[in-house]
Amino acid sequence: MIQLTARHVVIIGGGIAGLTAGYRLMQHHAAGGEDLICTVVERDCRFGGKIHTDRGEDFLLELGPDSIYTRKQGGVELISELGLDNDVVPVQSGGGTLIWNKGQLVPLPSGFGMGVPADLSAFAKTNLLTTEAKRRALEDLFMPVTPSTGDVSLGQFLRERLGDELVDMISSPLLAGIHAGDIDRMSLDATMPTLRRIYEEHGSLILGALAMIKNMPQPTGSPKPMFINLKYGLEQLVDRLVQLIENFATLLLETTVTRLERTDGGRYRVSLVGKDGNETYLTADAILLMTPANVSAELLQPCGIDTSALRSIRYTSTATISFGYEGDVGVTKLNSSGYLVPRTQGTPVTACTVVSKKWSHASKTGKTLLRCYVGHDGAEAIVDEDDETLVATIRQHLKDTLGITAEPNFIKIQRWYQAMPQYDVGHLEKVREIEASLEGVPGVAVAGAAYYGSGIPDCVRSASRAVENIEAYLKHYSVASKS
């Protein structure tokens, strides 16, 4: 029998997907799988990607995502595996979502979780919509069923059934905001497949939403929070992963992968440039690409596969502008921890979160922390405004919406350039094309926010699936080498 040496897996990208992949490979190695060595390469000066917590003296501020959605598998399970259950911080309940409309903050009526009316009494009473818009939306109950043929935009699907005003005022800020997307370009099948399913089952979006609410199992005991954070911020998750895998993997920061090449022996040559500018290379048996789709395309181009599907995934830029204040500044009386802004309202702000109301650990008692969001697909120019202009614009908005005129004693601007992948119509077909093209580079897998979901749980699951593919490849590879 041939004695095999350890197999080298290189992970390119040290965000949550890359670190999860390193952790899963470590578990596989520890459980008696293939003998592995691992290298994680990150071009930034820190690990974590968009998960970034600013731990100040008075405030704990998330510069990227501010929560983990508990209804999706992946995030909560990883927290438990890492022994962080005792550090979980639940979102603070209290009040509902507000919508900024014509100079007023108006409560979102209950039952709109999917952007479709599911509480007809609340829908009838809302001041967010005109009488004509309500009448138009109710036509969904009587309209003929149109057979589904292929993917369409989420906006088109909802507009045909519920009308433009409801979609622009409610559905778009609710469903497109989290993606910084344009609801009229977003893929129905990739972002809200449940809507297609309930429509096909009931012949009506409203009837389908009502049935979902009726059939929803009643929780037993104390209800679990829908969103959670961690005692020391979401970067605590990153810190814990790094702590666990640093004795298993070589972790390289401020190092850029410049080229991938297939060698004659079926392995891969990974060219690197470190922060000192020196070039070097690694030889890998398998590669996990946890980079944005366009970066992955550039790296895979020399390997001779079709990268057009990877290149076709678009990204958009966003920014968050956070303000810290001494005292209440008037938000305690607000019956919500924030509000959404429809794109018809003529302001670049898409949402605002009263962070100190949403999270119990985010600020010292008596202090107020706000975070405003700007930039979305089709409206990215605001992100490039200079700091002074950006702050002035947002402060005027906060004066208009919340009446805040106090001087902040803390301001933090975080720009995320080309950071939000857009799931355009036909997105899932693109992903299938990407997966098919990767058959031409055995031992290479991709994962991350660009494919099957952009939230933290999605990225964790994506990384775990990619590692399973690599493990299966290495097992086959080892068997082939022995024979």
Protein backbone atom coordinates (compact mmCIF):
# COMPACT_ATOMS: atom_id res chain seq x y z
CA MET A 1 0.00 0.00 0.00
CA ILE A 2 1.28 3.47 -0.87
CA GLN A 3 1.81 5.77 2.14
CA LEU A 4 -0.10 8.99 1.52
CA THR A 5 1.14 12.37 2.72
CA ALA A 6 -1.23 14.94 4.18
CA ARG A 7 -3.55 16.63 1.72
CA HIS A 8 -3.33 20.41 1.57
CA VAL A 9 -6.57 22.41 1.37
CA VAL A 10 -6.29 26.14 0.69
CA ILE A 11 -9.22 28.35 1.69
CA ILE A 12 -9.25 31.68 -0.12
CA GLY A 13 -11.26 34.24 1.85
CA GLY A 14 -11.42 34.61 5.62
CA GLY A 15 -14.98 35.80 6.14
CA ILE A 16 -17.58 33.75 8.01
CA ALA A 17 -17.76 31.22 5.16
CA GLY A 18 -13.99 30.73 5.01
CA LEU A 19 -13.62 30.40 8.77
CA THR A 20 -16.54 27.97 8.97
CA ALA A 21 -14.91 25.91 6.22
CA GLY A 22 -11.66 25.81 8.20
CA TYR A 23 -13.56 24.70 11.28
CA ARG A 24 -15.39 21.94 9.39
CA LEU A 25 -12.12 20.67 7.89
CA MET A 26 -10.60 20.61 11.37
CA GLN A 27 -13.54 18.53 12.60
CA HIS A 28 -13.17 16.14 9.66
CA HIS A 29 -9.45 15.76 10.33
CA ALA A 30 -9.99 15.21 14.07
CA ALA A 31 -12.66 12.58 13.41
CA GLY A 32 -10.21 10.38 11.52
CA GLY A 33 -10.85 11.54 7.98
CA GLU A 34 -8.13 12.22 5.45
CA ASP A 35 -4.89 13.57 6.90
CA LEU A 36 -5.17 17.29 6.17
CA ILE A 37 -3.23 20.47 6.41
CA CYS A 38 -5.03 23.74 5.77
CA THR A 39 -4.16 27.33 4.88
CA VAL A 40 -6.64 30.23 5.09
CA VAL A 41 -5.68 33.25 2.98
CA GLU A 42 -7.31 36.65 3.63
CA ARG A 43 -6.35 39.85 1.80
CA ASP A 44 -7.69 42.16 4.53
CA CYS A 45 -5.90 42.96 7.79
CA ARG A 46 -8.55 41.13 9.81
CA PHE A 47 -10.73 38.02 9.55
CA GLY A 48 -14.51 38.16 9.46
CA GLY A 49 -15.36 39.92 6.22
CA LYS A 50 -18.54 41.94 6.64
CA ILE A 51 -18.92 40.78 10.25
CA HIS A 52 -17.19 43.64 12.04
CA THR A 53 -17.95 44.90 15.55
CA ASP A 54 -16.74 48.26 16.84
CA ARG A 55 -16.31 47.73 20.59
CA GLY A 56 -16.15 51.26 21.96
CA GLU A 57 -16.16 52.48 25.55
CA ASP A 58 -19.81 53.54 25.45
CA PHE A 59 -21.19 51.64 22.45
CA LEU A 60 -21.01 48.20 20.86
CA LEU A 61 -21.73 48.81 17.20
CA GLU A 62 -22.08 46.36 14.32
CA LEU A 63 -20.57 47.81 11.15
CA GLY A 64 -21.95 45.00 9.00
CA PRO A 65 -24.84 42.61 9.75
CA ASP A 66 -26.32 43.22 13.19
CA SER A 67 -28.02 39.90 13.87
CA ILE A 68 -28.35 36.20 13.15
CA TYR A 69 -31.76 35.05 11.90
CA THR A 70 -32.76 32.06 14.03
CA ARG A 71 -35.42 30.65 11.69
CA LYS A 72 -32.74 29.48 9.28
CA GLN A 73 -30.47 26.60 10.17
CA GLY A 74 -26.76 27.19 10.40
CA GLY A 75 -26.18 30.18 12.62
CA VAL A 76 -27.70 29.04 15.92
CA GLU A 77 -26.26 25.57 15.50
CA LEU A 78 -22.75 26.94 14.94
CA ILE A 79 -23.05 29.13 18.03
CA SER A 80 -23.91 26.05 20.09
CA GLU A 81 -21.04 24.04 18.60
CA LEU A 82 -18.64 26.82 19.54
CA GLY A 83 -19.86 26.93 23.14
CA LEU A 84 -21.31 30.43 22.92
CA ASP A 85 -24.90 29.69 24.02
CA ASN A 86 -24.47 31.58 27.28
CA ASP A 87 -23.42 34.70 25.39
CA VAL A 88 -26.50 34.90 23.16
CA VAL A 89 -28.33 38.25 23.33
CA PRO A 90 -31.95 38.19 22.05
CA VAL A 91 -33.42 41.08 20.13
CA GLN A 92 -35.56 43.27 22.37
CA SER A 93 -39.22 43.06 21.49
CA GLY A 94 -41.49 46.03 21.76
CA GLY A 95 -43.47 47.81 19.12
CA GLY A 96 -43.58 46.92 15.47
CA THR A 97 -42.01 48.18 12.27
CA LEU A 98 -42.62 51.77 11.19
CA ILE A 99 -42.74 53.10 7.63
CA TRP A 100 -41.79 56.68 6.75
CA ASN A 101 -44.59 58.01 4.55
CA LYS A 102 -45.33 61.62 3.59
CA GLY A 103 -43.62 63.14 6.58
CA GLN A 104 -44.93 60.68 9.16
CA LEU A 105 -43.83 57.43 10.77
CA VAL A 106 -46.76 55.06 10.27
CA PRO A 107 -46.98 51.57 11.85
CA LEU A 108 -46.73 48.66 9.45
CA PRO A 109 -49.97 46.70 9.86
CA SER A 110 -49.61 43.25 11.37
CA GLY A 111 -49.55 40.25 9.06
CA PHE A 112 -47.16 41.65 6.44
CA GLY A 113 -44.15 39.46 7.18
CA MET A 114 -43.91 38.31 3.57
CA GLY A 115 -45.01 41.60 2.03
CA VAL A 116 -48.54 40.21 1.52
CA PRO A 117 -51.61 41.02 3.66
CA ALA A 118 -52.31 38.21 6.14
CA ASP A 119 -54.39 40.20 8.67
CA LEU A 120 -57.28 41.69 6.73
CA SER A 121 -58.59 43.70 9.66
CA ALA A 122 -55.25 45.45 10.17
CA PHE A 123 -54.89 45.84 6.41
CA ALA A 124 -58.26 47.59 6.16
CA LYS A 125 -57.36 50.07 8.92
CA THR A 126 -53.84 51.05 7.84
CA ASN A 127 -53.11 54.63 6.81
CA LEU A 128 -50.16 53.54 4.73
CA LEU A 129 -52.31 52.79 1.69
CA THR A 130 -55.04 54.65 -0.12
CA THR A 131 -58.51 53.17 -0.42
CA GLU A 132 -57.85 52.52 -4.10
CA ALA A 133 -54.62 50.63 -3.27
CA LYS A 134 -56.47 48.42 -0.78
CA ARG A 135 -59.20 47.70 -3.30
CA ARG A 136 -56.61 46.85 -5.95
CA ALA A 137 -54.75 44.47 -3.61
CA LEU A 138 -57.97 42.62 -2.75
CA GLU A 139 -58.47 41.85 -6.44
CA ASP A 140 -55.93 39.09 -5.79
CA LEU A 141 -58.77 37.14 -4.15
CA PHE A 142 -60.76 37.03 -7.39
CA MET A 143 -58.21 37.24 -10.20
CA PRO A 144 -57.70 34.16 -12.39
CA VAL A 145 -54.67 32.06 -11.66
CA THR A 146 -51.82 32.61 -14.08
CA PRO A 147 -49.67 29.48 -14.55
CA SER A 148 -46.07 29.94 -13.47
CA THR A 149 -43.52 29.63 -16.27
CA GLY A 150 -39.97 30.10 -15.13
CA ASP A 151 -38.42 32.64 -12.82
CA VAL A 152 -39.71 36.23 -12.75
CA SER A 153 -38.86 39.29 -10.72
CA LEU A 154 -40.30 39.48 -7.23
CA GLY A 155 -41.68 42.90 -8.11
CA GLN A 156 -43.47 41.73 -11.24
CA PHE A 157 -44.97 38.77 -9.39
CA LEU A 158 -46.32 40.91 -6.54
CA ARG A 159 -47.43 43.84 -8.71
CA GLU A 160 -49.56 41.63 -10.94
CA ARG A 161 -51.45 40.30 -7.94
CA LEU A 162 -51.44 43.20 -5.44
CA GLY A 163 -50.84 46.40 -7.41
CA ASP A 164 -48.05 48.96 -7.54
CA GLU A 165 -48.83 51.09 -4.48
CA LEU A 166 -48.75 48.24 -1.97
CA VAL A 167 -45.54 46.89 -3.48
CA ASP A 168 -43.78 50.27 -3.47
CA MET A 169 -44.94 51.26 0.01
CA ILE A 170 -44.69 47.95 1.88
CA SER A 171 -43.36 44.93 -0.02
CA SER A 172 -40.30 46.63 -1.49
CA PRO A 173 -38.83 48.11 1.73
CA LEU A 174 -39.59 44.87 3.59
CA LEU A 175 -38.30 42.35 1.08
CA ALA A 176 -35.75 44.22 -1.05
CA GLY A 177 -34.17 46.26 1.73
CA ILE A 178 -32.25 43.39 3.29
CA HIS A 179 -30.57 42.73 -0.09
CA ALA A 180 -30.11 46.45 -0.90
CA GLY A 181 -31.85 45.28 -4.05
CA ASP A 182 -34.32 46.44 -6.66
CA ILE A 183 -37.52 44.44 -6.21
CA ASP A 184 -38.15 44.62 -9.97
CA ARG A 185 -34.85 42.85 -10.71
CA MET A 186 -34.75 40.40 -7.78
CA SER A 187 -35.41 36.74 -8.52
CA LEU A 188 -38.63 35.37 -7.05
CA ASP A 189 -37.29 31.82 -6.93
CA ALA A 190 -33.99 32.79 -5.28
CA THR A 191 -35.31 35.25 -2.70
CA MET A 192 -38.95 34.40 -1.87
CA PRO A 193 -39.82 30.93 -3.24
CA THR A 194 -42.46 30.55 -0.51
CA LEU A 195 -44.60 33.15 -2.29
CA ARG A 196 -44.68 31.09 -5.46
CA ARG A 197 -45.54 27.96 -3.48
CA ILE A 198 -48.47 29.47 -1.57
CA TYR A 199 -49.78 31.09 -4.75
CA GLU A 200 -49.72 27.80 -6.64
CA GLU A 201 -51.37 25.97 -3.72
CA HIS A 202 -54.16 28.50 -3.11
CA GLY A 203 -54.51 30.46 -6.35
CA SER A 204 -54.16 33.69 -4.40
CA LEU A 205 -51.31 35.31 -2.48
CA ILE A 206 -53.64 36.62 0.22
CA LEU A 207 -55.39 33.28 0.71
CA GLY A 208 -52.02 31.55 0.80
CA ALA A 209 -50.66 33.98 3.42
CA LEU A 210 -53.82 33.56 5.53
CA ALA A 211 -53.48 29.77 5.33
CA MET A 212 -49.83 29.96 6.39
CA ILE A 213 -50.75 31.99 9.48
CA LYS A 214 -53.63 29.65 10.33
CA ASN A 215 -51.50 26.52 9.98
CA MET A 216 -48.47 27.87 11.76
CA PRO A 217 -47.73 25.69 14.80
CA GLN A 218 -48.33 27.41 18.12
CA PRO A 219 -45.13 27.85 20.13
CA THR A 220 -44.87 26.04 23.43
CA GLY A 221 -43.12 27.67 26.36
CA SER A 222 -41.29 30.95 25.98
CA PRO A 223 -41.10 32.02 22.32
CA LYS A 224 -37.60 31.98 20.87
CA PRO A 225 -36.32 35.30 19.51
CA MET A 226 -36.28 35.67 15.74
CA PHE A 227 -32.95 37.51 15.81
CA ILE A 228 -29.96 37.21 18.12
CA ASN A 229 -26.57 38.80 18.68
CA LEU A 230 -23.69 37.93 21.04
CA LYS A 231 -22.50 39.53 24.26
CA TYR A 232 -19.36 40.94 22.66
CA GLY A 233 -20.91 41.47 19.24
CA LEU A 234 -21.07 39.23 16.21
CA GLU A 235 -17.31 39.44 15.82
CA GLN A 236 -17.18 37.22 18.90
CA LEU A 237 -18.22 34.42 16.53
CA VAL A 238 -15.26 35.24 14.29
CA ASP A 239 -12.86 35.43 17.24
CA ARG A 240 -13.98 32.03 18.49
CA LEU A 241 -13.56 30.37 15.09
CA VAL A 242 -10.07 31.83 14.70
CA GLN A 243 -9.16 30.70 18.20
CA LEU A 244 -10.25 27.14 17.46
CA ILE A 245 -8.67 26.67 14.05
CA GLU A 246 -5.38 28.56 14.47
CA ASN A 247 -3.64 25.42 15.78
CA PHE A 248 -4.94 23.40 12.82
CA ALA A 249 -4.61 25.85 9.95
CA THR A 250 -2.02 28.38 8.83
CA LEU A 251 -3.81 31.76 8.88
CA LEU A 252 -2.48 34.41 6.49
CA LEU A 253 -3.68 38.02 6.70
CA GLU A 254 -2.91 40.85 4.27
CA THR A 255 -2.13 38.24 1.64
CA THR A 256 -3.65 38.30 -1.83
CA VAL A 257 -4.10 35.31 -4.12
CA THR A 258 -3.17 36.53 -7.59
CA ARG A 259 -3.51 33.38 -9.69
CA LEU A 260 -4.63 29.75 -9.66
CA GLU A 261 -3.18 27.19 -12.06
CA ARG A 262 -3.74 23.49 -12.56
CA THR A 263 -0.53 21.48 -12.45
CA ASP A 264 0.27 18.40 -14.53
CA GLY A 265 -0.26 16.19 -11.48
CA GLY A 266 -3.83 17.39 -10.95
CA ARG A 267 -2.96 19.67 -8.07
CA TYR A 268 -3.16 23.47 -7.97
CA ARG A 269 -0.53 26.17 -7.79
CA VAL A 270 -1.76 29.14 -5.73
CA SER A 271 0.26 32.32 -6.31
CA LEU A 272 0.34 34.79 -3.41
CA VAL A 273 1.54 38.31 -2.69
CA GLY A 274 2.07 39.21 0.96
CA LYS A 275 1.91 42.63 2.61
CA ASP A 276 5.65 42.97 2.05
CA GLY A 277 5.08 42.69 -1.71
CA ASN A 278 6.94 39.43 -2.03
CA GLU A 279 5.50 36.75 -4.28
CA THR A 280 5.32 33.12 -3.29
CA TYR A 281 3.12 30.13 -3.98
CA LEU A 282 1.40 27.18 -2.35
CA THR A 283 0.63 23.78 -3.80
CA ALA A 284 -2.89 22.61 -3.00
CA ASP A 285 -4.77 19.35 -3.41
CA ALA A 286 -8.09 21.16 -3.05
CA ILE A 287 -9.28 24.77 -2.97
CA LEU A 288 -12.26 26.41 -1.31
CA LEU A 289 -13.08 29.76 -2.91
CA MET A 290 -14.94 31.92 -0.37
CA THR A 291 -14.48 35.14 -2.31
CA PRO A 292 -17.01 37.36 -4.14
CA ALA A 293 -18.18 35.78 -7.37
CA ASN A 294 -16.27 38.20 -9.60
CA VAL A 295 -13.02 37.55 -7.69
CA SER A 296 -13.57 33.80 -7.96
CA ALA A 297 -14.10 34.23 -11.71
CA GLU A 298 -10.79 36.08 -12.09
CA LEU A 299 -8.92 33.40 -10.16
CA LEU A 300 -10.50 30.51 -12.05
CA GLN A 301 -10.03 32.02 -15.52
CA PRO A 302 -6.49 30.54 -16.01
CA CYS A 303 -7.89 27.09 -15.22
CA GLY A 304 -9.70 27.03 -18.55
CA ILE A 305 -13.35 26.83 -17.40
CA ASP A 306 -16.30 29.01 -18.36
CA THR A 307 -16.54 31.77 -15.73
CA SER A 308 -19.29 33.83 -17.40
CA ALA A 309 -21.97 32.81 -14.87
CA LEU A 310 -19.71 33.83 -11.99
CA ARG A 311 -19.02 37.16 -13.66
CA SER A 312 -22.72 37.82 -14.24
CA ILE A 313 -23.53 38.06 -10.51
CA ARG A 314 -23.76 41.78 -9.81
CA TYR A 315 -22.86 43.56 -6.58
CA THR A 316 -24.02 46.88 -5.16
CA SER A 317 -22.50 49.30 -2.65
CA THR A 318 -24.02 50.47 0.63
CA ALA A 319 -23.00 52.45 3.69
CA THR A 320 -24.06 52.78 7.31
CA ILE A 321 -23.80 56.01 9.28
CA SER A 322 -24.08 55.63 13.06
CA PHE A 323 -24.60 58.32 15.68
CA GLY A 324 -24.15 58.13 19.44
CA TYR A 325 -25.80 60.62 21.77
CA GLU A 326 -25.81 61.48 25.43
CA GLY A 327 -29.30 60.96 26.81
CA ASP A 328 -32.55 59.96 25.17
CA VAL A 329 -32.86 62.54 22.31
CA GLY A 330 -36.55 61.62 22.14
CA VAL A 331 -36.46 58.04 20.86
CA THR A 332 -37.55 56.28 24.07
CA LYS A 333 -41.17 57.18 23.31
CA LEU A 334 -40.85 55.68 19.83
CA ASN A 335 -42.91 52.49 19.76
CA SER A 336 -40.35 50.69 17.62
CA SER A 337 -36.65 50.06 17.31
CA GLY A 338 -36.53 51.56 13.86
CA TYR A 339 -38.23 52.29 10.58
CA LEU A 340 -38.08 51.56 6.85
CA VAL A 341 -38.15 54.14 4.07
CA PRO A 342 -39.87 53.34 0.74
CA ARG A 343 -37.87 54.49 -2.25
CA THR A 344 -40.76 56.71 -3.33
CA GLN A 345 -40.12 59.08 -0.40
CA GLY A 346 -37.27 61.04 -1.95
CA THR A 347 -34.57 60.38 0.63
CA PRO A 348 -31.38 58.34 0.20
CA VAL A 349 -31.92 56.70 3.59
CA THR A 350 -33.42 53.21 3.23
CA ALA A 351 -33.80 52.39 6.93
CA CYS A 352 -32.88 53.52 10.42
CA THR A 353 -32.33 51.38 13.52
CA VAL A 354 -32.46 52.66 17.09
CA VAL A 355 -29.70 50.27 18.09
CA SER A 356 -29.91 51.12 21.80
CA LYS A 357 -33.58 50.03 21.79
CA LYS A 358 -33.03 46.94 19.67
CA TRP A 359 -30.11 45.45 21.63
CA SER A 360 -29.71 45.55 25.40
CA HIS A 361 -25.91 45.31 25.20
CA ALA A 362 -25.31 47.96 22.54
CA SER A 363 -24.96 51.07 24.68
CA LYS A 364 -24.44 52.22 28.23
CA THR A 365 -27.55 53.15 30.18
CA GLY A 366 -28.84 56.56 29.23
CA LYS A 367 -27.06 56.74 25.88
CA THR A 368 -28.66 56.51 22.46
CA LEU A 369 -27.19 54.77 19.42
CA LEU A 370 -28.72 55.08 15.92
CA ARG A 371 -27.67 53.48 12.64
CA CYS A 372 -28.88 54.68 9.24
CA TYR A 373 -28.51 52.82 5.94
CA VAL A 374 -27.95 54.33 2.51
CA GLY A 375 -27.31 52.92 -0.94
CA HIS A 376 -29.11 50.22 -2.89
CA ASP A 377 -29.19 48.71 -6.36
CA GLY A 378 -29.63 51.60 -8.79
CA ALA A 379 -28.86 54.31 -6.19
CA GLU A 380 -25.25 53.97 -5.11
CA ALA A 381 -23.97 57.53 -5.68
CA ILE A 382 -24.71 58.53 -2.08
CA VAL A 383 -22.08 56.04 -0.88
CA ASP A 384 -19.38 58.08 -2.65
CA GLU A 385 -20.33 61.38 -1.01
CA ASP A 386 -17.65 62.86 1.24
CA ASP A 387 -18.05 62.35 4.99
CA GLU A 388 -19.22 65.90 5.71
CA THR A 389 -21.94 65.82 3.05
CA LEU A 390 -23.06 62.33 4.05
CA VAL A 391 -23.34 63.21 7.74
CA ALA A 392 -25.20 66.45 6.99
CA THR A 393 -27.68 64.61 4.77
CA ILE A 394 -28.40 61.96 7.38
CA ARG A 395 -28.66 64.45 10.25
CA GLN A 396 -31.26 66.42 8.29
CA HIS A 397 -33.15 63.18 7.69
CA LEU A 398 -33.09 62.34 11.43
CA LYS A 399 -34.35 65.84 12.20
CA ASP A 400 -37.24 65.34 9.76
CA THR A 401 -38.18 61.84 10.95
CA LEU A 402 -37.32 61.73 14.66
CA GLY A 403 -36.92 65.40 15.49
CA ILE A 404 -33.29 64.90 16.55
CA THR A 405 -31.28 68.13 16.61
CA ALA A 406 -28.76 67.23 19.35
CA GLU A 407 -25.08 67.09 18.48
CA PRO A 408 -23.81 63.50 18.39
CA ASN A 409 -20.71 62.73 20.40
CA PHE A 410 -19.98 59.68 18.26
CA ILE A 411 -20.17 59.28 14.46
CA LYS A 412 -19.08 56.21 12.54
CA ILE A 413 -19.26 55.84 8.76
CA GLN A 414 -18.79 52.42 7.21
CA ARG A 415 -18.81 52.07 3.44
CA TRP A 416 -19.21 48.63 1.88
CA TYR A 417 -18.16 48.89 -1.75
CA GLN A 418 -19.50 46.24 -4.11
CA ALA A 419 -20.37 44.09 -1.12
CA MET A 420 -24.00 43.07 -1.61
CA PRO A 421 -24.62 40.33 -4.21
CA GLN A 422 -27.76 40.84 -6.27
CA TYR A 423 -29.95 37.81 -6.95
CA ASP A 424 -31.31 38.84 -10.32
CA VAL A 425 -33.99 36.93 -12.23
CA GLY A 426 -32.50 33.60 -13.26
CA HIS A 427 -30.07 33.56 -10.32
CA LEU A 428 -30.57 29.89 -9.46
CA GLU A 429 -29.90 28.93 -13.06
CA LYS A 430 -26.65 30.89 -12.88
CA VAL A 431 -25.68 28.95 -9.75
CA ARG A 432 -26.39 25.66 -11.51
CA GLU A 433 -24.18 26.80 -14.40
CA ILE A 434 -21.42 27.68 -11.94
CA GLU A 435 -21.65 24.28 -10.30
CA ALA A 436 -21.53 22.58 -13.70
CA SER A 437 -18.48 24.59 -14.75
CA LEU A 438 -16.64 23.58 -11.55
CA GLU A 439 -16.70 19.98 -12.75
CA GLY A 440 -13.84 21.08 -14.98
CA VAL A 441 -11.71 21.89 -11.92
CA PRO A 442 -12.02 18.84 -9.64
CA GLY A 443 -11.13 19.65 -6.06
CA VAL A 444 -12.40 23.25 -6.25
CA ALA A 445 -15.59 24.42 -4.54
CA VAL A 446 -17.17 27.84 -4.03
CA ALA A 447 -19.27 29.15 -1.17
CA GLY A 448 -20.44 32.38 0.39
CA ALA A 449 -23.09 35.06 0.04
CA ALA A 450 -23.24 35.03 -3.76
CA TYR A 451 -25.06 31.74 -4.20
CA TYR A 452 -27.86 30.40 -1.99
CA GLY A 453 -28.39 33.23 0.51
CA SER A 454 -26.45 36.16 1.90
CA GLY A 455 -27.20 35.99 5.63
CA ILE A 456 -24.85 34.50 8.23
CA PRO A 457 -26.80 31.19 8.47
CA ASP A 458 -26.78 30.95 4.66
CA CYS A 459 -23.01 31.46 4.51
CA VAL A 460 -22.43 28.88 7.25
CA ARG A 461 -24.54 26.29 5.43
CA SER A 462 -22.90 27.13 2.11
CA ALA A 463 -19.44 26.61 3.59
CA SER A 464 -20.44 23.32 5.22
CA ARG A 465 -21.79 21.98 1.92
CA ALA A 466 -18.63 23.02 0.08
CA VAL A 467 -16.47 21.23 2.64
CA GLU A 468 -18.57 18.07 2.25
CA ASN A 469 -17.86 18.20 -1.50
CA ILE A 470 -14.15 18.63 -0.90
CA GLU A 471 -14.09 15.80 1.65
CA ALA A 472 -15.77 13.49 -0.86
CA TYR A 473 -13.26 14.52 -3.52
CA LEU A 474 -10.26 13.95 -1.23
CA LYS A 475 -11.58 10.55 -0.19
CA HIS A 476 -11.86 9.53 -3.84
CA TYR A 477 -8.49 11.10 -4.52
CA SER A 478 -6.87 9.10 -1.71
CA VAL A 479 -8.42 5.82 -2.87
CA ALA A 480 -7.26 6.50 -6.43
CA SER A 481 -3.74 7.22 -5.19
CA LYS A 482 -3.59 3.90 -3.30
CA SER A 483 -4.74 1.80 -6.22
